[in-house]
Amino acid sequence: MAFRRPDSFDGLGYRGRDDPIYGSGYPLRSAGQADLQHQHWVTTPPDIPGSRNLHTGDRTPQWEESLGEPAGAAALGGWDAPPPGVPPVEQLNRFTGFGIGLVSLFTENVLAHPCIVFRRQCQVNYHARTYHLTPFSAVNVMYAITKVQGVKALWKGMGSTFIVHGITLGAESIISEVTPLPRELPHRWTWKQLAGHLLLKGLTAVVALPFYCASLVETVQSDIVRDDSSSGLLDCIREGLTRVLGVGAPHSRRLLPLSSLLLPAALHAILRYAIASSIQRVVLWLHQMSRKQKTDPNNPLDTYFPELVAVWAGSLVADVLLFPLETAFHRLGLQGTRTIIDATDGAVAVGSGSSPLVLPVNTQYDRFSDCVHSIRRKEGVAGFYRGFGALAVQYTLHGALLAATRTVLKLLLLEGRCR
């Protein structure tokens, strides 16, 4: 059967004719009608189940009552158009969430990188007389290194850290797909599920271990001896593969096999994840218990910031508690790589009574237990916390930036809602 459009079809007017589909309750409309203040009509058929326009009468109370204005003004201004000068709440919440996430990522991966570089240099420098246990001495030496080598000396190896993060996430995803190990724990987990989840974290750290060691070399090696012409972004992957295969790298005989580093790497990853996750849950629970009023889901500050603060607190506690283990692990990973680091006692020219600009790392540990006993015997308990001041600077900056961001966004939200 061939359908033919009637001659009386004129767009909106044809739809309002007296046909049995819509009935006579909907008067005729034509394209020339402009009296919208007395004629309320909808753009979708009112008999569609689930439509927001499915109501009795010729008003749309959902929109008129929420806006608090007559239907004619809403029709002329458009239902979806906000009042002039006031940003939509949904767009404001999206902007706030994007800003909070961007600040958090920038702080964790970019702003904190100089502190990570200097902390690792202090951890592997067993020659240094100053342990840099406080932030003040760490900031002074970091400033001295910047004056000699430039600002980029504190951001070296940042690309390799992103590569290691990507390899870690990819390995975790692949392992969880090919094995029954759960990547995420359910709300009500069993001990078997928890053991499999922690085992997944350990296996992921083992897979990323050679690339982590290559990234460690890039972050602590001095820019004075670095050849920029031969270095590239994918050097981390190449060096990691050469360490796995044992060919192509000019390593000394003191280089430890990766099998000696598997246990420290897996232990550090599992403990750090377990401690950080536990502290996060405790902080979120304390936050919920301390609030007298119910959390507003439409307020982005109540939605995002408690979780960010919990993540910050969990990472801080985990890094503080595992700092000795991280020191021993980094020394074992760097041993035998013929790496030359910056002098953490101060970057000054060599002369009478002065310190050198750079120095080699020549450790001779046999295994993890030998490294721990040697540090405790020769350097004392404080030797495990070399560079702790840089860690304090890192989390102080992170916390201060989160607090400043919350204050600024709170003022913007108040200003936007009061207009």
Protein backbone atom coordinates (compact mmCIF):
# COMPACT_ATOMS: atom_id res chain seq x y z
CA MET A 1 0.00 0.00 0.00
CA ALA A 2 1.38 3.40 -0.99
CA PHE A 3 0.94 6.23 1.49
CA ARG A 4 0.29 9.72 0.21
CA ARG A 5 0.65 12.92 2.19
CA PRO A 6 -2.69 14.85 2.27
CA ASP A 7 -2.86 18.22 0.60
CA SER A 8 -3.86 19.83 3.91
CA PHE A 9 -0.53 18.89 5.55
CA ASP A 10 1.15 22.02 6.91
CA GLY A 11 3.58 20.73 9.58
CA LEU A 12 2.27 21.49 13.07
CA GLY A 13 -1.27 22.13 11.89
CA TYR A 14 -1.77 18.65 10.46
CA ARG A 15 -0.82 16.98 13.74
CA GLY A 16 -3.57 18.79 15.61
CA ARG A 17 -6.44 17.68 13.40
CA ASP A 18 -9.34 15.76 14.88
CA ASP A 19 -8.12 12.19 14.45
CA PRO A 20 -8.75 9.25 16.79
CA ILE A 21 -5.08 8.98 17.77
CA TYR A 22 -4.83 12.17 19.77
CA GLY A 23 -8.51 12.93 20.17
CA SER A 24 -10.32 16.23 20.20
CA GLY A 25 -8.79 17.34 23.48
CA TYR A 26 -5.81 18.88 21.65
CA PRO A 27 -6.82 21.94 19.66
CA LEU A 28 -5.63 22.76 16.21
CA ARG A 29 -2.24 24.47 16.00
CA SER A 30 -0.76 26.19 13.04
CA ALA A 31 2.67 27.54 12.36
CA GLY A 32 1.29 31.06 12.48
CA GLN A 33 0.07 30.87 16.10
CA ALA A 34 2.25 32.97 18.41
CA ASP A 35 0.04 33.30 21.50
CA LEU A 36 2.14 30.90 23.59
CA GLN A 37 1.16 32.41 26.94
CA HIS A 38 -2.33 30.89 26.74
CA GLN A 39 -1.63 27.79 24.61
CA HIS A 40 0.66 25.26 26.38
CA TRP A 41 1.80 22.47 24.13
CA VAL A 42 4.54 19.87 24.31
CA THR A 43 7.02 18.70 21.74
CA THR A 44 6.48 14.96 22.30
CA PRO A 45 3.17 13.05 22.20
CA PRO A 46 1.68 13.03 25.72
CA ASP A 47 0.61 9.38 25.49
CA ILE A 48 4.17 7.96 25.40
CA PRO A 49 4.70 5.83 28.52
CA GLY A 50 7.49 7.21 30.66
CA SER A 51 7.45 10.63 29.03
CA ARG A 52 8.06 13.54 31.36
CA ASN A 53 5.10 15.30 29.70
CA LEU A 54 2.63 12.56 30.68
CA HIS A 55 0.29 14.44 33.00
CA THR A 56 -3.29 15.65 33.22
CA GLY A 57 -4.23 19.17 32.33
CA ASP A 58 -2.37 21.63 30.19
CA ARG A 59 0.46 22.53 32.61
CA THR A 60 3.92 21.10 33.05
CA PRO A 61 4.30 21.36 36.84
CA GLN A 62 7.72 19.67 36.91
CA TRP A 63 9.29 22.60 35.08
CA GLU A 64 7.06 25.51 36.10
CA GLU A 65 7.19 24.85 39.83
CA SER A 66 10.91 24.21 39.86
CA LEU A 67 11.67 27.41 38.03
CA GLY A 68 9.17 29.41 40.06
CA GLU A 69 7.91 31.46 37.11
CA PRO A 70 4.85 31.51 34.85
CA ALA A 71 4.56 29.05 32.02
CA GLY A 72 4.60 31.80 29.46
CA ALA A 73 8.01 33.04 30.55
CA ALA A 74 9.32 29.50 30.52
CA ALA A 75 8.01 28.96 27.01
CA LEU A 76 9.49 32.16 25.72
CA GLY A 77 12.84 31.69 27.40
CA GLY A 78 13.06 27.94 26.78
CA TRP A 79 12.70 25.27 29.46
CA ASP A 80 16.35 24.17 29.23
CA ALA A 81 17.77 27.66 29.28
CA PRO A 82 18.93 28.82 32.75
CA PRO A 83 18.25 32.36 33.98
CA PRO A 84 20.68 34.94 32.63
CA GLY A 85 23.99 35.13 34.48
CA VAL A 86 23.49 31.93 36.51
CA PRO A 87 25.43 28.85 35.36
CA PRO A 88 23.51 25.55 35.36
CA VAL A 89 24.04 23.45 38.46
CA GLU A 90 24.93 20.37 36.45
CA GLN A 91 27.54 22.20 34.40
CA LEU A 92 28.97 23.77 37.55
CA ASN A 93 29.24 20.36 39.21
CA ARG A 94 30.97 18.92 36.14
CA PHE A 95 33.43 21.80 36.09
CA THR A 96 34.10 21.33 39.80
CA GLY A 97 34.68 17.60 39.46
CA PHE A 98 36.96 18.10 36.49
CA GLY A 99 38.94 20.76 38.34
CA ILE A 100 39.33 18.61 41.44
CA GLY A 101 40.47 15.59 39.43
CA LEU A 102 42.89 17.66 37.38
CA VAL A 103 44.46 19.23 40.46
CA SER A 104 44.83 15.83 42.13
CA LEU A 105 46.46 14.25 39.06
CA PHE A 106 48.75 17.22 38.56
CA THR A 107 49.88 17.13 42.18
CA GLU A 108 50.47 13.38 42.35
CA ASN A 109 52.27 12.98 39.03
CA VAL A 110 53.89 16.33 38.21
CA LEU A 111 54.26 18.57 41.25
CA ALA A 112 55.41 15.74 43.52
CA HIS A 113 57.97 14.35 41.06
CA PRO A 114 60.93 16.52 42.23
CA CYS A 115 60.36 15.25 45.77
CA ILE A 116 60.30 11.67 44.51
CA VAL A 117 63.54 12.20 42.57
CA PHE A 118 65.41 13.67 45.54
CA ARG A 119 64.00 11.10 47.95
CA ARG A 120 65.26 8.24 45.80
CA GLN A 121 68.66 9.88 45.43
CA CYS A 122 68.97 10.14 49.20
CA GLN A 123 67.86 6.55 49.70
CA VAL A 124 70.56 5.10 47.44
CA ASN A 125 73.34 7.50 48.51
CA TYR A 126 74.96 5.69 51.42
CA HIS A 127 78.00 8.04 51.22
CA ALA A 128 76.07 11.16 52.24
CA ARG A 129 76.76 12.65 55.66
CA THR A 130 73.36 14.38 55.77
CA TYR A 131 70.32 12.13 55.93
CA HIS A 132 67.78 14.90 55.15
CA LEU A 133 65.28 13.79 57.75
CA THR A 134 63.64 17.24 57.83
CA PRO A 135 62.11 19.23 54.96
CA PHE A 136 64.43 22.22 55.48
CA SER A 137 67.68 20.50 54.55
CA ALA A 138 66.00 18.71 51.63
CA VAL A 139 64.68 21.96 50.14
CA ASN A 140 68.11 23.62 50.41
CA VAL A 141 69.91 20.85 48.52
CA MET A 142 67.16 20.62 45.91
CA TYR A 143 67.57 24.34 45.31
CA ALA A 144 71.37 23.91 45.03
CA ILE A 145 70.98 21.14 42.43
CA THR A 146 68.57 23.33 40.46
CA LYS A 147 71.06 26.20 40.39
CA VAL A 148 73.79 23.97 38.94
CA GLN A 149 71.82 21.76 36.51
CA GLY A 150 68.63 23.70 35.86
CA VAL A 151 65.00 23.11 36.77
CA LYS A 152 64.66 20.06 34.52
CA ALA A 153 67.05 18.14 36.78
CA LEU A 154 64.23 17.68 39.30
CA TRP A 155 61.76 16.37 36.71
CA LYS A 156 64.00 13.76 35.11
CA GLY A 157 62.49 10.35 34.55
CA MET A 158 58.91 11.60 34.76
CA GLY A 159 58.02 10.01 31.42
CA SER A 160 59.29 6.63 32.57
CA THR A 161 57.10 6.80 35.69
CA PHE A 162 54.03 7.24 33.48
CA ILE A 163 55.15 4.24 31.43
CA VAL A 164 55.50 2.13 34.58
CA HIS A 165 52.01 3.18 35.69
CA GLY A 166 50.63 2.16 32.31
CA ILE A 167 52.40 -1.20 32.38
CA THR A 168 51.11 -1.83 35.89
CA LEU A 169 47.51 -1.09 34.95
CA GLY A 170 47.75 -3.16 31.77
CA ALA A 171 49.32 -6.12 33.55
CA GLU A 172 46.70 -6.02 36.29
CA SER A 173 43.89 -5.96 33.75
CA ILE A 174 45.33 -8.85 31.71
CA ILE A 175 46.08 -11.03 34.72
CA SER A 176 42.59 -10.51 36.12
CA GLU A 177 41.08 -11.51 32.78
CA VAL A 178 43.05 -14.74 32.32
CA THR A 179 42.94 -15.80 35.97
CA PRO A 180 40.15 -15.98 38.57
CA LEU A 181 41.91 -13.34 40.68
CA PRO A 182 39.45 -10.47 41.31
CA ARG A 183 40.51 -7.00 40.29
CA GLU A 184 37.94 -5.35 42.56
CA LEU A 185 36.63 -6.57 45.88
CA PRO A 186 32.85 -6.73 46.35
CA HIS A 187 31.14 -4.95 49.23
CA ARG A 188 30.93 -8.19 51.15
CA TRP A 189 34.13 -10.05 50.42
CA THR A 190 35.45 -13.34 51.69
CA TRP A 191 38.96 -14.12 52.84
CA LYS A 192 39.53 -16.14 49.68
CA GLN A 193 38.61 -13.17 47.53
CA LEU A 194 40.86 -10.90 49.58
CA ALA A 195 43.80 -13.29 49.24
CA GLY A 196 43.29 -13.51 45.48
CA HIS A 197 43.03 -9.71 45.21
CA LEU A 198 46.28 -9.17 47.13
CA LEU A 199 47.96 -11.90 45.07
CA LEU A 200 46.95 -10.00 41.94
CA LYS A 201 48.65 -6.87 43.28
CA GLY A 202 51.81 -8.85 43.98
CA LEU A 203 51.89 -10.48 40.54
CA THR A 204 51.37 -7.08 38.91
CA ALA A 205 54.36 -5.68 40.79
CA VAL A 206 56.47 -8.65 39.69
CA VAL A 207 55.56 -8.11 36.02
CA ALA A 208 56.40 -4.39 36.22
CA LEU A 209 59.61 -4.95 38.24
CA PRO A 210 62.21 -4.72 35.41
CA PHE A 211 60.61 -1.57 34.06
CA TYR A 212 60.41 -0.10 37.55
CA CYS A 213 64.14 -0.69 38.00
CA ALA A 214 64.83 1.02 34.66
CA SER A 215 62.66 3.97 35.72
CA LEU A 216 64.52 4.11 39.03
CA VAL A 217 67.81 4.53 37.18
CA GLU A 218 66.39 7.37 35.07
CA THR A 219 65.06 9.25 38.09
CA VAL A 220 68.27 9.16 40.15
CA GLN A 221 70.95 9.44 37.44
CA SER A 222 72.54 12.87 37.29
CA ASP A 223 71.89 15.10 34.29
CA ILE A 224 75.58 15.99 34.22
CA VAL A 225 76.50 12.55 32.85
CA ARG A 226 73.29 11.99 30.92
CA ASP A 227 73.50 11.94 27.13
CA ASP A 228 70.38 13.70 25.87
CA SER A 229 71.04 12.73 22.25
CA SER A 230 70.86 9.01 22.98
CA SER A 231 68.09 9.10 25.57
CA GLY A 232 64.47 8.71 24.57
CA LEU A 233 61.01 8.26 26.00
CA LEU A 234 60.98 4.49 25.42
CA ASP A 235 64.35 3.86 27.06
CA CYS A 236 62.52 2.56 30.10
CA ILE A 237 60.95 -0.25 28.06
CA ARG A 238 64.22 -1.08 26.28
CA GLU A 239 66.24 -1.15 29.50
CA GLY A 240 63.61 -3.26 31.21
CA LEU A 241 63.64 -5.84 28.43
CA THR A 242 67.43 -5.96 28.36
CA ARG A 243 67.49 -6.58 32.09
CA VAL A 244 65.01 -9.43 31.73
CA LEU A 245 67.01 -10.99 28.88
CA GLY A 246 70.38 -10.15 30.44
CA VAL A 247 71.91 -8.82 27.22
CA GLY A 248 72.80 -5.44 25.76
CA ALA A 249 73.28 -3.52 29.02
CA PRO A 250 76.71 -2.54 30.39
CA HIS A 251 76.04 -3.80 33.90
CA SER A 252 78.68 -4.90 36.37
CA ARG A 253 78.98 -8.26 38.07
CA ARG A 254 77.36 -6.81 41.19
CA LEU A 255 74.03 -6.59 39.37
CA LEU A 256 71.52 -8.71 41.26
CA PRO A 257 69.23 -11.03 39.29
CA LEU A 258 65.57 -10.14 39.20
CA SER A 259 64.77 -13.27 41.18
CA SER A 260 66.41 -11.63 44.21
CA LEU A 261 64.08 -8.65 43.89
CA LEU A 262 60.79 -10.48 43.41
CA LEU A 263 60.01 -10.86 47.11
CA PRO A 264 60.79 -7.23 48.09
CA ALA A 265 58.83 -5.88 45.11
CA ALA A 266 55.74 -8.03 45.77
CA LEU A 267 55.90 -7.43 49.52
CA HIS A 268 56.15 -3.66 49.09
CA ALA A 269 53.26 -3.54 46.61
CA ILE A 270 50.94 -5.74 48.70
CA LEU A 271 51.66 -3.97 51.99
CA ARG A 272 51.33 -0.51 50.48
CA TYR A 273 48.00 -1.34 48.90
CA ALA A 274 46.66 -3.01 52.06
CA ILE A 275 47.71 -0.16 54.35
CA ALA A 276 46.50 2.59 52.03
CA SER A 277 43.11 0.91 51.45
CA SER A 278 42.59 0.33 55.17
CA ILE A 279 43.40 3.94 56.05
CA GLN A 280 41.09 5.17 53.29
CA ARG A 281 38.18 3.18 54.70
CA VAL A 282 38.87 4.42 58.22
CA VAL A 283 39.06 8.06 57.14
CA LEU A 284 35.82 7.81 55.13
CA TRP A 285 34.08 6.12 58.08
CA LEU A 286 35.26 8.82 60.48
CA HIS A 287 34.11 11.49 58.03
CA GLN A 288 30.62 10.00 57.83
CA MET A 289 30.40 9.63 61.60
CA SER A 290 31.54 13.19 62.25
CA ARG A 291 29.01 14.84 59.93
CA LYS A 292 25.94 16.11 61.74
CA GLN A 293 24.04 16.72 58.52
CA LYS A 294 23.45 14.33 55.67
CA THR A 295 25.81 14.60 52.72
CA ASP A 296 24.36 16.51 49.79
CA PRO A 297 24.87 14.40 46.62
CA ASN A 298 24.46 17.52 44.48
CA ASN A 299 27.35 19.26 46.20
CA PRO A 300 30.59 18.32 44.41
CA LEU A 301 32.64 19.26 47.46
CA ASP A 302 30.84 16.62 49.55
CA THR A 303 31.12 14.13 46.70
CA TYR A 304 34.78 14.38 45.71
CA PHE A 305 36.84 15.85 48.54
CA PRO A 306 36.24 13.28 51.29
CA GLU A 307 37.48 10.53 48.98
CA LEU A 308 40.50 12.60 47.88
CA VAL A 309 41.41 13.33 51.50
CA ALA A 310 41.10 9.63 52.30
CA VAL A 311 43.39 8.71 49.40
CA TRP A 312 45.90 11.35 50.54
CA ALA A 313 45.89 10.07 54.11
CA GLY A 314 46.17 6.43 53.02
CA SER A 315 49.14 7.09 50.76
CA LEU A 316 50.85 9.16 53.45
CA VAL A 317 50.55 6.50 56.14
CA ALA A 318 51.61 3.72 53.75
CA ASP A 319 54.70 5.60 52.53
CA VAL A 320 55.75 6.51 56.06
CA LEU A 321 55.41 2.96 57.39
CA LEU A 322 57.08 1.34 54.38
CA PHE A 323 59.88 3.88 53.98
CA PRO A 324 62.59 1.50 55.35
CA LEU A 325 61.45 -1.30 53.03
CA GLU A 326 61.45 1.09 50.08
CA THR A 327 65.01 2.23 50.91
CA ALA A 328 66.35 -1.32 50.89
CA PHE A 329 64.40 -2.20 47.75
CA HIS A 330 65.73 0.80 45.84
CA ARG A 331 69.33 0.05 46.79
CA LEU A 332 68.99 -3.51 45.59
CA GLY A 333 67.36 -2.43 42.33
CA LEU A 334 70.10 0.10 41.57
CA GLN A 335 73.06 -2.04 42.48
CA GLY A 336 75.32 -2.98 39.57
CA THR A 337 73.74 -0.56 37.08
CA ARG A 338 76.76 1.80 37.09
CA THR A 339 74.58 4.75 37.92
CA ILE A 340 76.05 8.14 38.86
CA ILE A 341 73.82 10.28 41.07
CA ASP A 342 73.88 13.86 42.30
CA ALA A 343 75.64 14.59 45.57
CA THR A 344 72.89 15.03 48.15
CA ASP A 345 75.24 16.80 50.58
CA GLY A 346 75.25 19.83 48.27
CA ALA A 347 76.10 20.36 44.61
CA VAL A 348 79.27 22.44 44.76
CA ALA A 349 82.47 22.35 42.76
CA VAL A 350 85.24 19.96 43.74
CA GLY A 351 87.96 21.64 45.71
CA SER A 352 89.61 21.76 49.11
CA GLY A 353 87.03 20.79 51.70
CA SER A 354 84.14 20.80 49.26
CA SER A 355 81.81 18.09 48.02
CA PRO A 356 81.73 16.65 44.50
CA LEU A 357 78.91 17.35 42.09
CA VAL A 358 78.26 13.68 41.36
CA LEU A 359 79.30 10.32 42.75
CA PRO A 360 78.84 6.67 41.75
CA VAL A 361 76.72 4.09 43.54
CA ASN A 362 78.89 1.09 44.41
CA THR A 363 76.94 -1.09 46.80
CA GLN A 364 77.76 -4.78 47.30
CA TYR A 365 74.74 -6.39 48.88
CA ASP A 366 74.17 -10.09 48.41
CA ARG A 367 70.42 -10.25 49.05
CA PHE A 368 67.60 -8.41 50.75
CA SER A 369 68.43 -9.54 54.29
CA ASP A 370 72.08 -8.58 53.83
CA CYS A 371 71.03 -5.10 52.70
CA VAL A 372 68.82 -4.60 55.77
CA HIS A 373 71.51 -5.79 58.20
CA SER A 374 74.19 -3.69 56.51
CA ILE A 375 72.12 -0.49 56.68
CA ARG A 376 71.28 -1.02 60.34
CA ARG A 377 74.89 -1.83 61.26
CA LYS A 378 76.68 0.94 59.34
CA GLU A 379 74.13 3.75 59.19
CA GLY A 380 71.83 3.08 62.12
CA VAL A 381 68.06 3.14 62.15
CA ALA A 382 68.10 6.65 60.66
CA GLY A 383 69.77 5.21 57.58
CA PHE A 384 66.47 3.63 56.58
CA TYR A 385 64.87 7.09 56.52
CA ARG A 386 67.30 8.92 54.27
CA GLY A 387 65.35 11.53 52.31
CA PHE A 388 62.36 11.47 54.64
CA GLY A 389 62.25 15.26 54.49
CA ALA A 390 61.46 15.11 50.77
CA LEU A 391 58.50 12.84 51.55
CA ALA A 392 57.26 15.38 54.10
CA VAL A 393 57.55 18.16 51.51
CA GLN A 394 55.67 16.07 48.94
CA TYR A 395 52.62 15.38 51.09
CA THR A 396 52.62 18.87 52.60
CA LEU A 397 52.40 20.39 49.13
CA HIS A 398 49.73 17.89 48.11
CA GLY A 399 47.59 18.57 51.17
CA ALA A 400 48.01 22.34 50.90
CA LEU A 401 47.03 22.32 47.23
CA LEU A 402 43.93 20.22 47.94
CA ALA A 403 42.90 22.59 50.73
CA ALA A 404 43.44 25.64 48.52
CA THR A 405 41.46 24.06 45.69
CA ARG A 406 38.58 23.27 48.03
CA THR A 407 38.51 26.84 49.32
CA VAL A 408 38.53 28.36 45.83
CA LEU A 409 35.82 26.02 44.51
CA LYS A 410 33.69 26.61 47.59
CA LEU A 411 33.82 30.36 46.99
CA LEU A 412 32.98 29.89 43.31
CA LEU A 413 30.02 27.64 44.12
CA LEU A 414 28.68 30.08 46.70
CA GLU A 415 29.07 32.98 44.31
CA GLY A 416 27.38 31.07 41.47
CA ARG A 417 24.40 30.05 43.60
CA CYS A 418 23.90 33.48 45.17
CA ARG A 419 23.59 35.30 41.87
